[in-house]
Amino acid sequence: MIQLKDIDEEILLLKKSVEAFAKKEIEPYYQQWEQDGAFPKELWKKLGAAGFLCVDIPEKYGGLGGPLSYSVTIIDELSRLGYSSIVGNLSVHSIIIPHYILNSGTEEQKNYYLPKMATGELVSAIAMTEPGAGSDLQGIQTSAVKKENTDEYIINGAKTFVSNGQSFDFVIVVARTNPEVKASRGTSLFIVDAKEQGVIKGKKLKKIGLYAKETSELFLENVNVSSSQILGELDAGFVVLMKELPRERMALAVIACGAMEGALEITIKYLGEREAFGKPLNQLQVIRHKVAEMVTEAKVNRAFVDQCLRLLKSNELSTADASIAKLSSSEAQGRVADGCLQLFGGYGYMKEYPISRAYTDARAQRIYGGTSEIMKEIISKDIFS
């Protein structure tokens, strides 16, 4: 059995590996990718070759068979380094979708998709949100209608806010398969290959932050899909979604913690270099106390997120606790990013200073993966049930 000390040492080595990879493969190009609104698809294969994709997927399916802590360390470290645009899409492809397939897919699906995801040969996406249905998935209108006397379904609908929306090779589509019942009892998940006729990648959406994070519209027009591409049981898509949402929300919580720590690091460094009233800014009490508040908030959230990750690893994490972690850490990330930017003064509002990017990138964290308001509703239902 691996002792905690050994795990800590391994994670430290992994962090150094991620940092070295980022310095070589990301740092020189990141600003250009932000301007372009996407990072090149070749980066996926480089991440795969470095062993940074599908880390906690079993070796028999092409993963490394590592623990959850290794998997989240990669997005944690990239968040700390300020590469949030990459982290968002990476977590979807490497942490969230592989477990949809691992836990609910057939052997054929697992053997085909997971090894190619681990190498970066296939890039994945998931299409839940629709123009008229966001955090409340009960309003989904995308339909999958079975063709008579066949094993095929015809999918029609429109999706939006799809991460990896331009570069995906396959996408998990949430669709209504039984319109006669509530969506929670009549929704299925389909694995749809990008090459299928009728799969139309829509426009790349323009955002106020996370510029290189590919976010797009998706249209499905009479797309033929075999029943063998259903992920999980027919009409039981909500069961799969609800089972995997805690993992998604914990990934977002980890991203928030890493981003907070990264913002604080560059701010503390700046405060030791910048002077006001004849002394470094870090000698002014009002500033020292503000930093103390933010560091406290970051550390308290990190402690709870780590606790929740231990529960997730042992399949004991409740939906409510995952929601608490996501709500608390993402809200804290927003406050810390805002507070750090303020300490940079006018320079904090300039694009060439990384803190400005940390500020704009943080805003989406309170929206995707379930808004803060939805998190509060889930938590309150658990409290008063």
Protein backbone atom coordinates (compact mmCIF):
# COMPACT_ATOMS: atom_id res chain seq x y z
CA MET A 1 0.00 0.00 0.00
CA ILE A 2 1.31 3.45 -0.95
CA GLN A 3 1.87 5.65 2.06
CA LEU A 4 0.69 9.25 2.07
CA LYS A 5 4.31 10.50 2.10
CA ASP A 6 5.02 8.54 -1.10
CA ILE A 7 1.90 9.92 -2.76
CA ASP A 8 2.89 13.47 -1.85
CA GLU A 9 6.34 12.96 -3.35
CA GLU A 10 4.85 11.48 -6.52
CA ILE A 11 2.43 14.40 -6.84
CA LEU A 12 5.28 16.86 -6.40
CA LEU A 13 7.15 15.15 -9.23
CA LEU A 14 4.00 15.21 -11.37
CA LYS A 15 3.56 18.94 -10.72
CA LYS A 16 7.14 19.54 -11.84
CA SER A 17 6.52 17.49 -14.99
CA VAL A 18 3.39 19.49 -15.80
CA GLU A 19 5.25 22.76 -15.21
CA ALA A 20 8.10 21.67 -17.48
CA PHE A 21 5.64 20.62 -20.19
CA ALA A 22 3.79 23.93 -19.94
CA LYS A 23 7.01 25.92 -20.17
CA LYS A 24 7.96 24.17 -23.40
CA GLU A 25 4.64 23.47 -25.12
CA ILE A 26 2.24 26.15 -23.83
CA GLU A 27 3.95 29.27 -22.49
CA PRO A 28 5.60 30.41 -25.77
CA TYR A 29 2.32 30.16 -27.69
CA TYR A 30 -0.45 30.83 -25.18
CA GLN A 31 -0.88 34.53 -25.88
CA GLN A 32 -1.27 33.81 -29.61
CA TRP A 33 -3.77 31.05 -28.88
CA GLU A 34 -5.77 33.48 -26.78
CA GLN A 35 -5.83 35.88 -29.72
CA ASP A 36 -6.78 33.09 -32.12
CA GLY A 37 -9.58 31.88 -29.86
CA ALA A 38 -8.36 28.27 -29.81
CA PHE A 39 -5.32 26.13 -29.19
CA PRO A 40 -4.07 23.73 -31.91
CA LYS A 41 -5.39 20.20 -32.04
CA GLU A 42 -1.81 18.91 -32.04
CA LEU A 43 -1.58 19.85 -28.36
CA TRP A 44 -3.89 16.95 -27.51
CA LYS A 45 -1.42 14.42 -28.89
CA LYS A 46 1.43 16.12 -27.04
CA LEU A 47 -0.57 15.90 -23.81
CA GLY A 48 -1.25 12.24 -24.53
CA ALA A 49 2.39 11.49 -25.27
CA ALA A 50 3.35 13.15 -21.97
CA GLY A 51 0.92 10.88 -20.10
CA PHE A 52 -1.40 13.71 -19.05
CA LEU A 53 -4.66 12.36 -20.52
CA CYS A 54 -7.06 9.86 -18.90
CA VAL A 55 -4.60 9.29 -16.07
CA ASP A 56 -7.06 7.52 -13.76
CA ILE A 57 -8.49 5.22 -16.45
CA PRO A 58 -7.40 1.55 -16.15
CA GLU A 59 -4.41 0.44 -18.19
CA LYS A 60 -6.51 -2.16 -20.03
CA TYR A 61 -8.35 0.74 -21.66
CA GLY A 62 -5.26 2.77 -22.49
CA GLY A 63 -5.05 4.90 -19.35
CA LEU A 64 -2.29 4.96 -16.78
CA GLY A 65 -4.33 3.36 -14.01
CA GLY A 66 -3.32 6.13 -11.62
CA PRO A 67 -5.34 7.46 -8.69
CA LEU A 68 -7.79 10.34 -8.92
CA SER A 69 -5.27 12.58 -7.14
CA TYR A 70 -2.88 12.29 -10.08
CA SER A 71 -5.59 13.13 -12.59
CA VAL A 72 -6.72 16.29 -10.83
CA THR A 73 -3.13 17.38 -10.13
CA ILE A 74 -2.68 18.04 -13.86
CA ILE A 75 -5.59 20.49 -14.13
CA ASP A 76 -4.72 21.92 -10.72
CA GLU A 77 -1.16 22.77 -11.77
CA LEU A 78 -2.15 24.17 -15.17
CA SER A 79 -4.74 26.34 -13.40
CA ARG A 80 -2.10 27.62 -10.98
CA LEU A 81 0.10 28.51 -13.94
CA GLY A 82 -2.74 30.56 -15.44
CA TYR A 83 -3.69 28.41 -18.44
CA SER A 84 -7.41 28.30 -17.68
CA SER A 85 -8.46 28.22 -21.34
CA ILE A 86 -6.72 24.87 -21.77
CA VAL A 87 -7.76 23.49 -18.40
CA GLY A 88 -11.49 23.80 -19.07
CA ASN A 89 -11.43 21.69 -22.22
CA LEU A 90 -8.81 19.34 -20.79
CA SER A 91 -10.95 18.50 -17.77
CA VAL A 92 -13.94 17.75 -20.04
CA HIS A 93 -11.89 15.42 -22.23
CA SER A 94 -9.62 13.80 -19.65
CA ILE A 95 -11.51 13.73 -16.36
CA ILE A 96 -15.23 13.88 -17.07
CA ILE A 97 -16.08 12.12 -20.35
CA PRO A 98 -13.75 9.10 -19.87
CA HIS A 99 -15.69 8.19 -16.73
CA TYR A 100 -19.02 8.46 -18.54
CA ILE A 101 -17.70 5.81 -20.91
CA LEU A 102 -15.85 3.75 -18.28
CA ASN A 103 -18.79 3.57 -15.88
CA SER A 104 -21.71 3.33 -18.34
CA GLY A 105 -20.30 2.23 -21.69
CA THR A 106 -20.27 -1.19 -23.30
CA GLU A 107 -17.00 -3.09 -23.62
CA GLU A 108 -16.97 -2.24 -27.31
CA GLN A 109 -17.35 1.49 -26.54
CA LYS A 110 -14.67 1.39 -23.86
CA ASN A 111 -12.19 -0.52 -26.02
CA TYR A 112 -12.67 1.81 -28.98
CA TYR A 113 -12.89 5.29 -27.45
CA LEU A 114 -10.84 5.27 -24.24
CA PRO A 115 -7.41 4.28 -25.67
CA LYS A 116 -7.73 6.89 -28.43
CA MET A 117 -8.76 9.52 -25.89
CA ALA A 118 -5.69 8.72 -23.79
CA THR A 119 -3.35 9.30 -26.73
CA GLY A 120 -5.18 12.42 -27.91
CA GLU A 121 -6.03 10.75 -31.22
CA LEU A 122 -9.72 11.34 -30.53
CA VAL A 123 -10.91 14.59 -28.94
CA SER A 124 -14.20 14.41 -27.06
CA ALA A 125 -17.04 16.77 -26.18
CA ILE A 126 -20.38 16.63 -24.44
CA ALA A 127 -23.50 18.48 -25.61
CA MET A 128 -25.99 19.11 -22.82
CA THR A 129 -26.94 22.78 -22.83
CA GLU A 130 -29.44 24.09 -25.37
CA PRO A 131 -30.45 27.64 -26.28
CA GLY A 132 -33.55 27.20 -24.12
CA ALA A 133 -32.26 24.75 -21.52
CA GLY A 134 -29.23 25.52 -19.36
CA SER A 135 -28.67 24.33 -15.82
CA ASP A 136 -32.17 22.81 -15.78
CA LEU A 137 -31.79 19.87 -18.15
CA GLN A 138 -35.49 19.02 -17.82
CA GLY A 139 -36.13 21.49 -20.63
CA ILE A 140 -34.10 19.62 -23.26
CA GLN A 141 -35.75 19.61 -26.70
CA THR A 142 -33.21 17.65 -28.77
CA SER A 143 -34.95 14.46 -29.87
CA ALA A 144 -33.81 10.98 -30.83
CA VAL A 145 -36.59 9.10 -32.63
CA LYS A 146 -36.28 5.38 -33.37
CA LYS A 147 -36.76 4.41 -37.00
CA GLU A 148 -39.38 1.72 -37.45
CA ASN A 149 -38.09 -1.82 -37.90
CA THR A 150 -34.45 -0.75 -37.45
CA ASP A 151 -31.94 -0.33 -34.65
CA GLU A 152 -31.26 3.29 -35.63
CA TYR A 153 -32.28 6.63 -34.17
CA ILE A 154 -32.66 9.99 -35.90
CA ILE A 155 -31.35 12.87 -33.81
CA ASN A 156 -32.48 16.46 -34.31
CA GLY A 157 -31.72 19.47 -32.17
CA ALA A 158 -29.46 22.36 -31.32
CA LYS A 159 -26.85 22.61 -28.57
CA THR A 160 -24.73 25.48 -27.34
CA PHE A 161 -21.74 26.19 -25.07
CA VAL A 162 -20.04 22.98 -26.26
CA SER A 163 -16.44 22.76 -25.02
CA ASN A 164 -14.08 21.42 -27.73
CA GLY A 165 -16.94 22.33 -30.04
CA GLN A 166 -14.76 22.86 -33.13
CA SER A 167 -12.15 20.15 -32.64
CA PHE A 168 -14.13 17.20 -31.28
CA ASP A 169 -14.00 13.83 -33.04
CA PHE A 170 -17.00 12.55 -31.12
CA VAL A 171 -19.58 14.10 -28.84
CA ILE A 172 -21.91 12.72 -26.20
CA VAL A 173 -25.36 14.11 -27.02
CA VAL A 174 -28.16 14.36 -24.47
CA ALA A 175 -31.48 13.74 -26.26
CA ARG A 176 -35.11 12.96 -25.46
CA THR A 177 -36.03 9.42 -26.47
CA ASN A 178 -39.44 9.29 -24.79
CA PRO A 179 -41.35 12.59 -25.00
CA GLU A 180 -44.38 11.07 -23.23
CA VAL A 181 -42.69 11.20 -19.82
CA LYS A 182 -40.59 13.68 -17.87
CA ALA A 183 -37.11 14.29 -19.23
CA SER A 184 -35.63 12.64 -16.15
CA ARG A 185 -37.27 9.36 -17.23
CA GLY A 186 -37.12 9.70 -21.00
CA THR A 187 -33.65 10.97 -21.88
CA SER A 188 -30.75 9.02 -23.36
CA LEU A 189 -27.09 9.68 -24.11
CA PHE A 190 -25.69 8.99 -27.58
CA ILE A 191 -22.06 8.84 -28.68
CA VAL A 192 -22.08 10.66 -32.01
CA ASP A 193 -19.05 10.77 -34.28
CA ALA A 194 -18.23 14.15 -35.81
CA LYS A 195 -18.04 12.63 -39.30
CA GLU A 196 -21.71 11.57 -39.26
CA GLN A 197 -23.83 13.33 -41.85
CA GLY A 198 -25.96 16.05 -40.28
CA VAL A 199 -23.49 16.89 -37.50
CA ILE A 200 -22.88 20.61 -38.01
CA LYS A 201 -20.31 22.43 -35.90
CA GLY A 202 -21.74 25.93 -35.51
CA LYS A 203 -20.00 29.18 -34.88
CA LYS A 204 -17.28 29.55 -32.29
CA LEU A 205 -18.74 31.71 -29.54
CA LYS A 206 -17.03 34.91 -28.45
CA LYS A 207 -16.55 35.17 -24.69
CA ILE A 208 -15.34 37.84 -22.26
CA GLY A 209 -12.66 35.48 -20.97
CA LEU A 210 -11.22 32.01 -21.58
CA TYR A 211 -10.52 33.09 -25.15
CA ALA A 212 -8.59 29.98 -26.23
CA LYS A 213 -11.21 27.69 -24.68
CA GLU A 214 -13.13 26.47 -27.69
CA THR A 215 -16.84 26.98 -27.01
CA SER A 216 -19.28 26.46 -29.87
CA GLU A 217 -22.77 25.83 -31.10
CA LEU A 218 -23.73 22.40 -32.42
CA PHE A 219 -26.58 21.47 -34.75
CA LEU A 220 -27.87 17.95 -35.37
CA GLU A 221 -29.97 17.59 -38.49
CA ASN A 222 -31.42 14.12 -39.13
CA VAL A 223 -28.31 12.41 -37.75
CA ASN A 224 -28.51 8.61 -38.04
CA VAL A 225 -27.10 6.83 -34.99
CA SER A 226 -27.14 3.13 -34.23
CA SER A 227 -28.60 1.94 -30.94
CA SER A 228 -25.13 0.52 -30.23
CA GLN A 229 -24.05 4.15 -29.71
CA ILE A 230 -26.37 4.65 -26.74
CA LEU A 231 -24.28 5.27 -23.62
CA GLY A 232 -25.89 3.50 -20.69
CA GLU A 233 -29.49 2.31 -20.73
CA LEU A 234 -32.21 3.64 -23.02
CA ASP A 235 -34.22 6.42 -21.33
CA ALA A 236 -31.81 6.37 -18.38
CA GLY A 237 -29.50 9.17 -19.48
CA PHE A 238 -30.34 11.26 -16.43
CA VAL A 239 -29.10 8.46 -14.19
CA VAL A 240 -25.71 8.62 -15.90
CA LEU A 241 -25.64 12.43 -15.79
CA MET A 242 -26.51 12.62 -12.10
CA LYS A 243 -23.94 9.94 -11.27
CA GLU A 244 -21.14 11.83 -13.01
CA LEU A 245 -22.02 15.43 -12.05
CA PRO A 246 -20.17 15.28 -8.68
CA ARG A 247 -16.94 14.46 -10.56
CA GLU A 248 -17.49 17.38 -12.93
CA ARG A 249 -18.14 19.77 -10.07
CA MET A 250 -15.08 18.59 -8.19
CA ALA A 251 -12.96 19.20 -11.29
CA LEU A 252 -14.26 22.77 -11.35
CA ALA A 253 -13.54 23.14 -7.64
CA VAL A 254 -9.95 21.97 -8.17
CA ILE A 255 -9.57 24.44 -11.04
CA ALA A 256 -10.82 27.22 -8.75
CA CYS A 257 -8.32 26.32 -6.03
CA GLY A 258 -5.40 26.20 -8.44
CA ALA A 259 -6.42 29.50 -10.03
CA MET A 260 -6.72 31.21 -6.64
CA GLU A 261 -3.28 30.06 -5.58
CA GLY A 262 -1.77 31.14 -8.89
CA ALA A 263 -3.36 34.60 -8.67
CA LEU A 264 -2.08 35.02 -5.13
CA GLU A 265 1.44 33.95 -6.09
CA ILE A 266 1.82 36.57 -8.82
CA THR A 267 0.18 39.22 -6.61
CA ILE A 268 2.44 38.57 -3.62
CA LYS A 269 5.47 38.75 -5.92
CA TYR A 270 4.25 42.05 -7.39
CA LEU A 271 3.62 43.57 -3.97
CA GLY A 272 7.25 43.00 -3.06
CA GLU A 273 8.46 44.79 -6.20
CA ARG A 274 6.10 47.78 -6.36
CA GLU A 275 6.56 50.78 -4.04
CA ALA A 276 4.20 53.43 -2.71
CA PHE A 277 4.83 56.13 -0.11
CA GLY A 278 8.52 55.20 -0.12
CA LYS A 279 8.13 51.55 0.81
CA PRO A 280 7.17 48.25 -0.88
CA LEU A 281 3.41 47.70 -1.07
CA ASN A 282 3.75 44.57 1.03
CA GLN A 283 4.74 46.75 3.98
CA LEU A 284 1.40 48.58 4.05
CA GLN A 285 -0.92 47.12 6.68
CA VAL A 286 -4.13 47.51 4.67
CA ILE A 287 -2.58 45.47 1.87
CA ARG A 288 -1.02 42.87 4.16
CA HIS A 289 -4.39 42.27 5.84
CA LYS A 290 -6.19 41.97 2.50
CA VAL A 291 -3.69 39.35 1.33
CA ALA A 292 -4.07 37.53 4.65
CA GLU A 293 -7.85 37.36 4.10
CA MET A 294 -7.45 36.00 0.57
CA VAL A 295 -4.84 33.41 1.51
CA THR A 296 -7.11 32.25 4.34
CA GLU A 297 -10.02 31.88 1.93
CA ALA A 298 -7.89 29.95 -0.56
CA LYS A 299 -6.55 27.57 2.09
CA VAL A 300 -9.94 26.89 3.68
CA ASN A 301 -11.45 26.05 0.29
CA ARG A 302 -8.48 23.87 -0.61
CA ALA A 303 -8.92 21.86 2.59
CA PHE A 304 -12.60 21.18 1.91
CA VAL A 305 -11.99 20.35 -1.75
CA ASP A 306 -9.27 17.87 -0.74
CA GLN A 307 -11.68 16.28 1.72
CA CYS A 308 -14.32 15.94 -0.99
CA LEU A 309 -11.79 14.40 -3.40
CA ARG A 310 -11.04 11.71 -0.84
CA LEU A 311 -14.76 10.98 -0.60
CA LEU A 312 -15.09 10.93 -4.40
CA LYS A 313 -12.25 8.43 -4.65
CA SER A 314 -14.11 6.07 -2.31
CA ASN A 315 -17.49 6.72 -3.99
CA GLU A 316 -18.83 8.36 -0.84
CA LEU A 317 -19.16 11.96 -2.07
CA SER A 318 -22.72 13.23 -1.97
CA THR A 319 -24.21 15.47 -4.63
CA ALA A 320 -24.78 18.13 -1.96
CA ASP A 321 -21.15 18.16 -0.78
CA ALA A 322 -19.88 18.30 -4.37
CA SER A 323 -22.21 21.25 -4.88
CA ILE A 324 -20.91 22.94 -1.73
CA ALA A 325 -17.32 22.52 -2.95
CA LYS A 326 -18.16 23.93 -6.36
CA LEU A 327 -20.21 26.83 -4.97
CA SER A 328 -17.73 27.85 -2.30
CA SER A 329 -14.54 27.54 -4.35
CA SER A 330 -15.87 29.23 -7.50
CA GLU A 331 -17.33 32.14 -5.53
CA ALA A 332 -14.04 32.43 -3.61
CA GLN A 333 -12.09 32.37 -6.87
CA GLY A 334 -14.07 35.37 -8.08
CA ARG A 335 -13.41 37.32 -4.88
CA VAL A 336 -9.71 36.47 -4.83
CA ALA A 337 -9.22 37.33 -8.50
CA ASP A 338 -10.98 40.65 -7.94
CA GLY A 339 -8.99 41.40 -4.79
CA CYS A 340 -5.68 40.55 -6.43
CA LEU A 341 -6.44 42.70 -9.46
CA GLN A 342 -7.26 45.61 -7.15
CA LEU A 343 -3.82 45.36 -5.53
CA PHE A 344 -2.19 45.79 -8.93
CA GLY A 345 -3.90 49.15 -9.28
CA GLY A 346 -4.24 50.44 -12.83
CA TYR A 347 -1.83 47.83 -14.13
CA GLY A 348 -4.25 45.09 -13.09
CA TYR A 349 -6.68 46.30 -15.73
CA MET A 350 -4.10 45.99 -18.49
CA LYS A 351 -4.20 42.88 -20.66
CA GLU A 352 -0.45 42.35 -20.59
CA TYR A 353 -0.64 41.62 -16.86
CA PRO A 354 -1.66 37.98 -16.19
CA ILE A 355 -3.86 39.03 -13.26
CA SER A 356 -6.31 40.62 -15.71
CA ARG A 357 -6.69 37.27 -17.44
CA ALA A 358 -7.16 35.51 -14.11
CA TYR A 359 -9.97 37.97 -13.35
CA THR A 360 -11.91 37.53 -16.60
CA ASP A 361 -11.32 33.76 -16.72
CA ALA A 362 -12.70 33.34 -13.19
CA ARG A 363 -16.15 34.66 -14.04
CA ALA A 364 -17.33 31.59 -15.95
CA GLN A 365 -16.61 29.32 -13.00
CA ARG A 366 -19.78 30.48 -11.25
CA ILE A 367 -21.85 29.62 -14.32
CA TYR A 368 -20.82 26.39 -16.01
CA GLY A 369 -21.14 23.00 -14.39
CA GLY A 370 -24.29 24.39 -12.75
CA THR A 371 -24.67 28.01 -11.72
CA SER A 372 -24.15 29.13 -8.14
CA GLU A 373 -27.92 29.53 -7.85
CA ILE A 374 -28.48 25.92 -8.91
CA MET A 375 -25.82 24.78 -6.41
CA LYS A 376 -27.68 26.60 -3.64
CA GLU A 377 -30.93 24.91 -4.64
CA ILE A 378 -29.32 21.46 -4.57
CA ILE A 379 -27.74 22.15 -1.18
CA SER A 380 -30.94 23.52 0.31
CA LYS A 381 -32.96 20.53 -0.91
CA ASP A 382 -30.51 18.25 0.84
CA ILE A 383 -30.72 20.29 4.04
CA PHE A 384 -34.52 20.37 4.15
CA SER A 385 -35.32 16.96 2.68
